[in-house]
Amino acid sequence: MLLKDVNAVVFDKDGTLVDVQRTWGPAMVRTLDDLVGDLGDRERVAAAIGVDLTAGTLATNSPVIAESNAEIAARIAVELDRSMVETALQLEELVTVHVGDAVQALPGVGRLLSAMKDHGFWVGLATNDSGESAVKQLSKLGWRKYFDSVLGYDSGFGAKPNPGMLMASAQRAGCSMDRVLMVGDTATDVGAAKSAGCRVVVVGEHPCGISDVTAEITQISHLSDLLGI
């Protein structure tokens, strides 16, 4: 399949460009170590958000994979009976540091992004991570130069599956939604694309529960075939 008339490609980050397990698993263990002093409380919080403290991995249904940092903070605040605002601020600061330090790329992403820019595509990022954290990770991986726009849940357009980040991306790219392609790995990404009215490609070996998409690919590098580059 060749996707025609695509001017702008907007990527999700975690699980699409970044290895979510190798990045967020260890990073969340370090984050919870710093955020929650009592071991019993830490274990309870970890269970609530799907983090294995021993293995440094995430459960397949962990909210860390798809929810915004603010939503994760709300879950933690409930478990600890803490202020939501205070917890969110602390979590954001810790995540920016630890995820930025731990970030690991999925194979082939750098080559794909370089080829896309060589072929004139407008490239954006729409993540439920914060904008600051996303920029830090892209910079560490050497990818920031490929992105025309980086939007996070805190950029003023809402978190996915709200379509706001995609609609803002289309406006920045100067094109209509039918010329925008969303590339992601979760139902949250698909929901955002459907609400925005753009096409969507799902990446992953087992995109469970996701249907009615433009295309499915098992590896992000296969996107080059769909784009004809």
C-alpha atoms as a PDB file:
ATOM      1  CA  MET A   1       0.000   0.000   0.000  1.00  0.00           C
ATOM      2  CA  LEU A   2       1.221   3.483  -0.896  1.00  0.00           C
ATOM      3  CA  LEU A   3      -0.281   6.393   1.018  1.00  0.00           C
ATOM      4  CA  LYS A   4      -0.806   9.323  -1.326  1.00  0.00           C
ATOM      5  CA  ASP A   5      -1.217  13.033  -0.650  1.00  0.00           C
ATOM      6  CA  VAL A   6       0.430  13.001   2.782  1.00  0.00           C
ATOM      7  CA  ASN A   7       2.089  16.333   3.574  1.00  0.00           C
ATOM      8  CA  ALA A   8       2.474  16.077   7.352  1.00  0.00           C
ATOM      9  CA  VAL A   9       3.284  13.093   9.558  1.00  0.00           C
ATOM     10  CA  VAL A  10       2.655  13.359  13.295  1.00  0.00           C
ATOM     11  CA  PHE A  11       4.259  10.720  15.491  1.00  0.00           C
ATOM     12  CA  ASP A  12       3.405   9.456  18.932  1.00  0.00           C
ATOM     13  CA  LYS A  13       6.602   9.016  20.947  1.00  0.00           C
ATOM     14  CA  ASP A  14       6.541   6.181  23.448  1.00  0.00           C
ATOM     15  CA  GLY A  15       6.165   2.767  21.839  1.00  0.00           C
ATOM     16  CA  THR A  16       6.345   4.319  18.379  1.00  0.00           C
ATOM     17  CA  LEU A  17       9.763   5.997  18.258  1.00  0.00           C
ATOM     18  CA  VAL A  18      11.040   5.229  21.750  1.00  0.00           C
ATOM     19  CA  ASP A  19      11.318   1.768  23.329  1.00  0.00           C
ATOM     20  CA  VAL A  20       8.735   2.174  26.080  1.00  0.00           C
ATOM     21  CA  GLN A  21       9.845  -0.790  28.195  1.00  0.00           C
ATOM     22  CA  ARG A  22      13.586  -0.064  28.122  1.00  0.00           C
ATOM     23  CA  THR A  23      12.968   3.628  28.713  1.00  0.00           C
ATOM     24  CA  TRP A  24       9.970   4.014  31.000  1.00  0.00           C
ATOM     25  CA  GLY A  25      10.360   0.793  33.000  1.00  0.00           C
ATOM     26  CA  PRO A  26      13.698   1.683  34.637  1.00  0.00           C
ATOM     27  CA  ALA A  27      12.824   5.391  34.695  1.00  0.00           C
ATOM     28  CA  MET A  28       9.605   4.821  36.634  1.00  0.00           C
ATOM     29  CA  VAL A  29      11.409   2.667  39.197  1.00  0.00           C
ATOM     30  CA  ARG A  30      13.837   5.549  39.821  1.00  0.00           C
ATOM     31  CA  THR A  31      10.990   8.055  39.815  1.00  0.00           C
ATOM     32  CA  LEU A  32       9.024   6.120  42.440  1.00  0.00           C
ATOM     33  CA  ASP A  33      12.184   5.664  44.527  1.00  0.00           C
ATOM     34  CA  ASP A  34      12.501   9.446  44.698  1.00  0.00           C
ATOM     35  CA  LEU A  35       8.799  10.227  44.975  1.00  0.00           C
ATOM     36  CA  VAL A  36       7.673   7.677  47.577  1.00  0.00           C
ATOM     37  CA  GLY A  37       9.904   7.143  50.594  1.00  0.00           C
ATOM     38  CA  ASP A  38       8.041   4.329  52.348  1.00  0.00           C
ATOM     39  CA  LEU A  39       8.607   0.935  50.691  1.00  0.00           C
ATOM     40  CA  GLY A  40       5.077  -0.293  51.390  1.00  0.00           C
ATOM     41  CA  ASP A  41       3.562   2.833  49.871  1.00  0.00           C
ATOM     42  CA  ARG A  42       5.922   2.571  46.912  1.00  0.00           C
ATOM     43  CA  GLU A  43       4.896  -1.023  46.232  1.00  0.00           C
ATOM     44  CA  ARG A  44       1.217  -0.083  46.409  1.00  0.00           C
ATOM     45  CA  VAL A  45       1.671   2.828  44.011  1.00  0.00           C
ATOM     46  CA  ALA A  46       3.724   0.695  41.635  1.00  0.00           C
ATOM     47  CA  ALA A  47       0.989  -1.929  41.523  1.00  0.00           C
ATOM     48  CA  ALA A  48      -1.635   0.749  40.842  1.00  0.00           C
ATOM     49  CA  ILE A  49       0.216   2.073  37.789  1.00  0.00           C
ATOM     50  CA  GLY A  50       1.570  -1.234  36.487  1.00  0.00           C
ATOM     51  CA  VAL A  51       5.264  -0.889  37.362  1.00  0.00           C
ATOM     52  CA  ASP A  52       7.325  -3.937  38.389  1.00  0.00           C
ATOM     53  CA  LEU A  53       9.862  -2.510  40.835  1.00  0.00           C
ATOM     54  CA  THR A  54      12.059  -5.607  40.747  1.00  0.00           C
ATOM     55  CA  ALA A  55      12.181  -6.219  36.999  1.00  0.00           C
ATOM     56  CA  GLY A  56      12.024  -2.562  36.006  1.00  0.00           C
ATOM     57  CA  THR A  57       9.256  -3.219  33.501  1.00  0.00           C
ATOM     58  CA  LEU A  58       5.706  -2.081  32.787  1.00  0.00           C
ATOM     59  CA  ALA A  59       2.600  -4.253  32.656  1.00  0.00           C
ATOM     60  CA  THR A  60       1.006  -4.445  29.209  1.00  0.00           C
ATOM     61  CA  ASN A  61      -1.996  -2.501  30.534  1.00  0.00           C
ATOM     62  CA  SER A  62       0.048   0.021  32.532  1.00  0.00           C
ATOM     63  CA  PRO A  63      -1.422   3.535  32.358  1.00  0.00           C
ATOM     64  CA  VAL A  64       2.157   4.781  32.029  1.00  0.00           C
ATOM     65  CA  ILE A  65       2.121   3.583  28.410  1.00  0.00           C
ATOM     66  CA  ALA A  66      -0.729   5.761  27.162  1.00  0.00           C
ATOM     67  CA  GLU A  67      -1.892   8.226  29.825  1.00  0.00           C
ATOM     68  CA  SER A  68      -0.527  11.720  30.377  1.00  0.00           C
ATOM     69  CA  ASN A  69       1.800  12.473  33.274  1.00  0.00           C
ATOM     70  CA  ALA A  70      -1.025  14.446  34.887  1.00  0.00           C
ATOM     71  CA  GLU A  71      -3.323  11.414  34.748  1.00  0.00           C
ATOM     72  CA  ILE A  72      -0.629   9.186  36.234  1.00  0.00           C
ATOM     73  CA  ALA A  73      -0.023  11.747  38.976  1.00  0.00           C
ATOM     74  CA  ALA A  74      -3.730  11.686  39.813  1.00  0.00           C
ATOM     75  CA  ARG A  75      -3.576   7.915  40.320  1.00  0.00           C
ATOM     76  CA  ILE A  76      -0.522   8.256  42.560  1.00  0.00           C
ATOM     77  CA  ALA A  77      -2.095  11.073  44.582  1.00  0.00           C
ATOM     78  CA  VAL A  78      -5.154   8.925  45.294  1.00  0.00           C
ATOM     79  CA  GLU A  79      -3.008   6.024  46.501  1.00  0.00           C
ATOM     80  CA  LEU A  80      -0.957   8.266  48.791  1.00  0.00           C
ATOM     81  CA  ASP A  81      -3.757  10.644  49.816  1.00  0.00           C
ATOM     82  CA  ARG A  82      -1.587  13.554  48.689  1.00  0.00           C
ATOM     83  CA  SER A  83      -2.307  16.820  46.932  1.00  0.00           C
ATOM     84  CA  MET A  84      -2.876  16.256  43.214  1.00  0.00           C
ATOM     85  CA  VAL A  85      -1.113  19.507  42.297  1.00  0.00           C
ATOM     86  CA  GLU A  86       1.944  18.808  44.437  1.00  0.00           C
ATOM     87  CA  THR A  87       2.192  15.226  43.180  1.00  0.00           C
ATOM     88  CA  ALA A  88       1.891  16.323  39.554  1.00  0.00           C
ATOM     89  CA  LEU A  89       4.660  18.899  39.925  1.00  0.00           C
ATOM     90  CA  GLN A  90       6.979  16.424  41.631  1.00  0.00           C
ATOM     91  CA  LEU A  91       6.239  13.665  39.130  1.00  0.00           C
ATOM     92  CA  GLU A  92       6.808  15.958  36.152  1.00  0.00           C
ATOM     93  CA  GLU A  93      10.197  17.048  37.436  1.00  0.00           C
ATOM     94  CA  LEU A  94      11.323  13.500  38.184  1.00  0.00           C
ATOM     95  CA  VAL A  95      10.030  12.033  34.913  1.00  0.00           C
ATOM     96  CA  THR A  96      11.805  14.703  32.878  1.00  0.00           C
ATOM     97  CA  VAL A  97      15.098  13.784  34.538  1.00  0.00           C
ATOM     98  CA  HIS A  98      14.832   9.997  34.697  1.00  0.00           C
ATOM     99  CA  VAL A  99      13.136   9.334  31.348  1.00  0.00           C
ATOM    100  CA  GLY A 100      15.518  11.766  29.690  1.00  0.00           C
ATOM    101  CA  ASP A 101      18.462   9.839  31.124  1.00  0.00           C
ATOM    102  CA  ALA A 102      17.053   6.393  30.274  1.00  0.00           C
ATOM    103  CA  VAL A 103      15.608   7.037  26.798  1.00  0.00           C
ATOM    104  CA  GLN A 104      16.238   4.261  24.258  1.00  0.00           C
ATOM    105  CA  ALA A 105      15.319   4.401  20.567  1.00  0.00           C
ATOM    106  CA  LEU A 106      13.494   1.758  18.601  1.00  0.00           C
ATOM    107  CA  PRO A 107      15.475   0.409  15.612  1.00  0.00           C
ATOM    108  CA  GLY A 108      15.504   2.367  12.372  1.00  0.00           C
ATOM    109  CA  VAL A 109      13.895   5.576  13.629  1.00  0.00           C
ATOM    110  CA  GLY A 110      16.806   7.897  12.902  1.00  0.00           C
ATOM    111  CA  ARG A 111      17.141   6.684   9.315  1.00  0.00           C
ATOM    112  CA  LEU A 112      13.391   7.025   8.756  1.00  0.00           C
ATOM    113  CA  LEU A 113      13.238  10.579  10.099  1.00  0.00           C
ATOM    114  CA  SER A 114      16.230  11.635   8.019  1.00  0.00           C
ATOM    115  CA  ALA A 115      14.676  10.190   4.853  1.00  0.00           C
ATOM    116  CA  MET A 116      11.359  11.901   5.564  1.00  0.00           C
ATOM    117  CA  LYS A 117      12.993  15.304   5.862  1.00  0.00           C
ATOM    118  CA  ASP A 118      15.011  14.655   2.690  1.00  0.00           C
ATOM    119  CA  HIS A 119      11.701  14.013   0.895  1.00  0.00           C
ATOM    120  CA  GLY A 120      10.095  17.194   2.175  1.00  0.00           C
ATOM    121  CA  PHE A 121       7.645  15.885   4.765  1.00  0.00           C
ATOM    122  CA  TRP A 122       6.545  18.128   7.626  1.00  0.00           C
ATOM    123  CA  VAL A 123       7.206  16.102  10.800  1.00  0.00           C
ATOM    124  CA  GLY A 124       5.545  16.612  14.172  1.00  0.00           C
ATOM    125  CA  LEU A 125       5.330  14.926  17.564  1.00  0.00           C
ATOM    126  CA  ALA A 126       2.165  14.589  19.655  1.00  0.00           C
ATOM    127  CA  THR A 127       2.847  12.887  22.979  1.00  0.00           C
ATOM    128  CA  ASN A 128       1.098  12.497  26.303  1.00  0.00           C
ATOM    129  CA  ASP A 129       4.480  13.142  27.903  1.00  0.00           C
ATOM    130  CA  SER A 130       5.253  16.792  28.644  1.00  0.00           C
ATOM    131  CA  GLY A 131       6.671  18.981  25.921  1.00  0.00           C
ATOM    132  CA  GLU A 132       9.842  19.697  27.903  1.00  0.00           C
ATOM    133  CA  SER A 133      10.474  16.023  28.589  1.00  0.00           C
ATOM    134  CA  ALA A 134       9.873  15.131  24.931  1.00  0.00           C
ATOM    135  CA  VAL A 135      12.311  17.777  23.681  1.00  0.00           C
ATOM    136  CA  LYS A 136      14.971  16.532  26.113  1.00  0.00           C
ATOM    137  CA  GLN A 137      14.573  12.971  24.849  1.00  0.00           C
ATOM    138  CA  LEU A 138      14.600  13.941  21.171  1.00  0.00           C
ATOM    139  CA  SER A 139      17.713  16.035  21.733  1.00  0.00           C
ATOM    140  CA  LYS A 140      19.535  13.218  23.503  1.00  0.00           C
ATOM    141  CA  LEU A 141      18.728  10.848  20.638  1.00  0.00           C
ATOM    142  CA  GLY A 142      19.867  13.400  18.056  1.00  0.00           C
ATOM    143  CA  TRP A 143      16.393  13.706  16.519  1.00  0.00           C
ATOM    144  CA  ARG A 144      15.290  17.201  17.488  1.00  0.00           C
ATOM    145  CA  LYS A 145      16.477  18.620  14.153  1.00  0.00           C
ATOM    146  CA  TYR A 146      13.993  16.425  12.279  1.00  0.00           C
ATOM    147  CA  PHE A 147      10.881  17.785  14.016  1.00  0.00           C
ATOM    148  CA  ASP A 148       9.033  20.889  12.897  1.00  0.00           C
ATOM    149  CA  SER A 149       6.776  20.768  15.971  1.00  0.00           C
ATOM    150  CA  VAL A 150       6.850  19.047  19.372  1.00  0.00           C
ATOM    151  CA  LEU A 151       3.629  19.039  21.393  1.00  0.00           C
ATOM    152  CA  GLY A 152       2.969  17.458  24.784  1.00  0.00           C
ATOM    153  CA  TYR A 153      -0.100  17.093  26.961  1.00  0.00           C
ATOM    154  CA  ASP A 154       0.808  20.417  28.586  1.00  0.00           C
ATOM    155  CA  SER A 155       1.216  22.421  25.355  1.00  0.00           C
ATOM    156  CA  GLY A 156      -2.293  23.835  25.546  1.00  0.00           C
ATOM    157  CA  PHE A 157      -4.123  21.490  23.177  1.00  0.00           C
ATOM    158  CA  GLY A 158      -5.136  18.698  25.556  1.00  0.00           C
ATOM    159  CA  ALA A 159      -3.939  15.113  25.835  1.00  0.00           C
ATOM    160  CA  LYS A 160      -4.746  12.294  23.431  1.00  0.00           C
ATOM    161  CA  PRO A 161      -7.336  10.948  22.623  1.00  0.00           C
ATOM    162  CA  ASN A 162      -8.418  14.591  22.471  1.00  0.00           C
ATOM    163  CA  PRO A 163      -7.691  15.670  18.868  1.00  0.00           C
ATOM    164  CA  GLY A 164      -6.247  19.051  19.841  1.00  0.00           C
ATOM    165  CA  MET A 165      -2.569  18.277  19.251  1.00  0.00           C
ATOM    166  CA  LEU A 166      -3.289  16.855  15.800  1.00  0.00           C
ATOM    167  CA  MET A 167      -5.436  19.809  14.812  1.00  0.00           C
ATOM    168  CA  ALA A 168      -2.745  22.211  16.017  1.00  0.00           C
ATOM    169  CA  SER A 169      -0.138  20.244  14.070  1.00  0.00           C
ATOM    170  CA  ALA A 170      -2.168  20.526  10.868  1.00  0.00           C
ATOM    171  CA  GLN A 171      -2.460  24.264  11.382  1.00  0.00           C
ATOM    172  CA  ARG A 172       1.283  24.588  11.931  1.00  0.00           C
ATOM    173  CA  ALA A 173       1.978  22.475   8.848  1.00  0.00           C
ATOM    174  CA  GLY A 174      -0.399  24.599   6.797  1.00  0.00           C
ATOM    175  CA  CYS A 175      -2.398  21.677   5.464  1.00  0.00           C
ATOM    176  CA  SER A 176      -5.863  20.173   5.798  1.00  0.00           C
ATOM    177  CA  MET A 177      -6.524  17.173   8.057  1.00  0.00           C
ATOM    178  CA  ASP A 178      -6.910  14.818   5.093  1.00  0.00           C
ATOM    179  CA  ARG A 179      -3.220  15.385   4.317  1.00  0.00           C
ATOM    180  CA  VAL A 180      -2.099  14.592   7.870  1.00  0.00           C
ATOM    181  CA  LEU A 181      -1.011  11.100   8.924  1.00  0.00           C
ATOM    182  CA  MET A 182      -0.897  10.065  12.586  1.00  0.00           C
ATOM    183  CA  VAL A 183       1.533   7.257  13.460  1.00  0.00           C
ATOM    184  CA  GLY A 184       1.115   5.588  16.858  1.00  0.00           C
ATOM    185  CA  ASP A 185       0.854   2.329  18.747  1.00  0.00           C
ATOM    186  CA  THR A 186      -2.196   2.555  21.010  1.00  0.00           C
ATOM    187  CA  ALA A 187      -5.941   2.998  20.881  1.00  0.00           C
ATOM    188  CA  THR A 188      -5.329   6.455  22.352  1.00  0.00           C
ATOM    189  CA  ASP A 189      -3.472   7.466  19.188  1.00  0.00           C
ATOM    190  CA  VAL A 190      -6.164   5.985  16.962  1.00  0.00           C
ATOM    191  CA  GLY A 191      -8.874   7.781  18.923  1.00  0.00           C
ATOM    192  CA  ALA A 192      -7.106  11.114  18.515  1.00  0.00           C
ATOM    193  CA  ALA A 193      -6.717  10.578  14.773  1.00  0.00           C
ATOM    194  CA  LYS A 194     -10.342   9.556  14.316  1.00  0.00           C
ATOM    195  CA  SER A 195     -11.574  12.575  16.254  1.00  0.00           C
ATOM    196  CA  ALA A 196      -9.307  14.884  14.262  1.00  0.00           C
ATOM    197  CA  GLY A 197     -10.337  13.378  10.934  1.00  0.00           C
ATOM    198  CA  CYS A 198      -6.926  12.249   9.718  1.00  0.00           C
ATOM    199  CA  ARG A 199      -5.471   8.951   8.598  1.00  0.00           C
ATOM    200  CA  VAL A 200      -3.653   6.730  11.095  1.00  0.00           C
ATOM    201  CA  VAL A 201      -1.027   3.998  10.896  1.00  0.00           C
ATOM    202  CA  VAL A 202      -0.603   1.656  13.863  1.00  0.00           C
ATOM    203  CA  VAL A 203       2.838   0.262  14.712  1.00  0.00           C
ATOM    204  CA  GLY A 204       3.424  -2.938  16.669  1.00  0.00           C
ATOM    205  CA  GLU A 205       3.396  -6.709  16.678  1.00  0.00           C
ATOM    206  CA  HIS A 206       0.034  -7.093  18.391  1.00  0.00           C
ATOM    207  CA  PRO A 207      -2.125  -3.942  18.212  1.00  0.00           C
ATOM    208  CA  CYS A 208      -4.864  -5.506  20.361  1.00  0.00           C
ATOM    209  CA  GLY A 209      -8.269  -3.860  20.314  1.00  0.00           C
ATOM    210  CA  ILE A 210      -7.403  -1.463  17.505  1.00  0.00           C
ATOM    211  CA  SER A 211      -9.465  -1.575  14.331  1.00  0.00           C
ATOM    212  CA  ASP A 212     -10.523   0.602  11.423  1.00  0.00           C
ATOM    213  CA  VAL A 213      -7.083   2.063  10.777  1.00  0.00           C
ATOM    214  CA  THR A 214      -5.465   3.124   7.511  1.00  0.00           C
ATOM    215  CA  ALA A 215      -2.654   0.579   7.819  1.00  0.00           C
ATOM    216  CA  GLU A 216      -0.791  -1.595  10.312  1.00  0.00           C
ATOM    217  CA  ILE A 217       2.973  -2.135  10.326  1.00  0.00           C
ATOM    218  CA  THR A 218       5.039  -4.313  12.639  1.00  0.00           C
ATOM    219  CA  GLN A 219       8.087  -2.015  12.683  1.00  0.00           C
ATOM    220  CA  ILE A 220       8.393   1.755  12.384  1.00  0.00           C
ATOM    221  CA  SER A 221      10.977   1.393   9.587  1.00  0.00           C
ATOM    222  CA  HIS A 222       8.224  -0.054   7.375  1.00  0.00           C
ATOM    223  CA  LEU A 223       6.596   3.376   7.240  1.00  0.00           C
ATOM    224  CA  SER A 224       9.054   4.295   4.495  1.00  0.00           C
ATOM    225  CA  ASP A 225       7.352   1.796   2.174  1.00  0.00           C
ATOM    226  CA  LEU A 226       3.930   3.329   2.851  1.00  0.00           C
ATOM    227  CA  LEU A 227       5.281   6.807   2.134  1.00  0.00           C
ATOM    228  CA  GLY A 228       7.246   5.734  -0.934  1.00  0.00           C
ATOM    229  CA  ILE A 229      10.631   6.936   0.308  1.00  0.00           C
END
